[in-house]
Amino acid sequence: MWVFLNDAFLSIVQDMDDPDRLLVRARHEQDVENVFGAVEVAETEDADYRFRTFLPRATVAEAMKKQTEAIDYTNFKNSVPDHKRHDAYMGVWQVMRRFQKS
């Protein structure tokens, strides 16, 4: 699952070795910390996503619930304060808009 937040982009998948855990991956270490706080984040330069942590499913679910409950904007793109992140998200938005029209 890809999760786009106004201060984080995460890729979340099942841990191959433990179905009760999820692997949370990010392009920027701060993205993991923005959502999950002070968790142990491993850095792997050879991987597609450089930063990763393993967390219990319940921890991830609770964090996603909190993120959902905290939504206070009427336009997601306008809620992204970091200009580089905003531009990256706009690129995804444009690709998905083209996909919608196809």
Protein backbone atom coordinates (compact mmCIF):
# COMPACT_ATOMS: atom_id res chain seq x y z
CA MET A 1 0.00 0.00 0.00
CA TRP A 2 1.28 3.42 -0.85
CA VAL A 3 0.37 6.16 1.61
CA PHE A 4 0.71 9.81 0.63
CA LEU A 5 0.51 12.18 3.59
CA ASN A 6 1.26 15.87 3.57
CA ASP A 7 4.51 15.16 5.46
CA ALA A 8 5.33 11.57 4.49
CA PHE A 9 5.25 9.04 1.67
CA LEU A 10 5.27 5.39 2.77
CA SER A 11 5.16 1.98 1.15
CA ILE A 12 3.65 -0.59 3.50
CA VAL A 13 3.77 -4.34 2.81
CA GLN A 14 3.51 -7.55 4.80
CA ASP A 15 6.66 -8.87 6.45
CA MET A 16 7.63 -12.01 4.47
CA ASP A 17 8.62 -13.80 7.68
CA ASP A 18 5.87 -12.70 10.08
CA PRO A 19 2.29 -12.06 8.97
CA ASP A 20 1.63 -10.11 12.18
CA ARG A 21 4.19 -7.47 11.20
CA LEU A 22 4.33 -4.96 8.39
CA LEU A 23 7.37 -3.58 6.62
CA VAL A 24 7.13 0.20 6.42
CA ARG A 25 9.43 1.70 3.80
CA ALA A 26 10.24 5.29 2.88
CA ARG A 27 12.46 7.32 0.60
CA HIS A 28 13.30 9.70 3.48
CA GLU A 29 13.97 8.60 7.05
CA GLN A 30 12.02 11.55 8.44
CA ASP A 31 8.87 10.27 6.71
CA VAL A 32 8.82 7.17 8.93
CA GLU A 33 9.46 9.26 12.03
CA ASN A 34 6.76 11.79 11.07
CA VAL A 35 4.16 9.03 11.23
CA PHE A 36 5.50 6.56 13.82
CA GLY A 37 7.70 8.68 16.05
CA ALA A 38 10.96 7.35 17.46
CA VAL A 39 11.12 3.86 15.96
CA GLU A 40 14.23 2.04 14.83
CA VAL A 41 14.76 2.79 11.14
CA ALA A 42 17.31 0.81 9.13
CA GLU A 43 19.06 2.41 6.18
CA THR A 44 19.79 0.23 3.16
CA GLU A 45 21.43 1.89 0.17
CA ASP A 46 20.90 -1.13 -2.14
CA ALA A 47 17.11 -1.28 -1.68
CA ASP A 48 14.41 0.44 -3.68
CA TYR A 49 13.25 2.20 -0.49
CA ARG A 50 16.30 3.33 1.45
CA PHE A 51 14.66 3.51 4.90
CA ARG A 52 12.61 0.75 6.55
CA THR A 53 11.21 -0.50 9.80
CA PHE A 54 9.19 -3.53 10.86
CA LEU A 55 6.14 -2.76 13.00
CA PRO A 56 3.20 -4.72 14.38
CA ARG A 57 0.10 -4.47 12.19
CA ALA A 58 -1.81 -2.91 15.08
CA THR A 59 0.77 -0.11 15.39
CA VAL A 60 0.50 0.73 11.70
CA ALA A 61 -3.30 0.55 11.79
CA GLU A 62 -3.47 2.89 14.80
CA ALA A 63 -1.12 5.39 13.12
CA MET A 64 -3.23 5.35 9.94
CA LYS A 65 -6.37 5.87 12.05
CA LYS A 66 -4.80 8.91 13.73
CA GLN A 67 -3.74 10.32 10.37
CA THR A 68 -7.29 9.92 9.06
CA GLU A 69 -8.83 11.54 12.12
CA ALA A 70 -6.42 14.49 11.86
CA ILE A 71 -7.46 15.50 8.32
CA ASP A 72 -8.39 19.18 8.48
CA TYR A 73 -7.98 20.27 4.87
CA THR A 74 -10.32 20.37 1.89
CA ASN A 75 -7.57 20.05 -0.73
CA PHE A 76 -4.76 17.54 -0.13
CA LYS A 77 -2.28 19.01 -2.60
CA ASN A 78 -2.59 22.44 -1.00
CA SER A 79 -1.90 20.92 2.44
CA VAL A 80 1.63 19.82 1.49
CA PRO A 81 3.99 22.48 2.90
CA ASP A 82 7.29 21.21 1.45
CA HIS A 83 7.68 22.45 -2.13
CA LYS A 84 9.76 19.50 -3.32
CA ARG A 85 7.26 17.01 -1.89
CA HIS A 86 4.37 19.00 -3.38
CA ASP A 87 6.00 18.90 -6.82
CA ALA A 88 6.63 15.15 -6.55
CA TYR A 89 3.02 14.55 -5.53
CA MET A 90 1.81 16.70 -8.44
CA GLY A 91 3.76 14.43 -10.77
CA VAL A 92 1.92 11.41 -9.36
CA TRP A 93 -1.40 13.28 -9.55
CA GLN A 94 -0.79 14.07 -13.23
CA VAL A 95 0.08 10.47 -14.10
CA MET A 96 -3.02 9.18 -12.32
CA ARG A 97 -5.18 11.80 -14.03
CA ARG A 98 -3.94 10.55 -17.40
CA PHE A 99 -4.68 6.99 -16.23
CA GLN A 100 -8.23 8.03 -15.31
CA LYS A 101 -8.79 9.39 -18.82
CA SER A 102 -7.43 6.28 -20.56
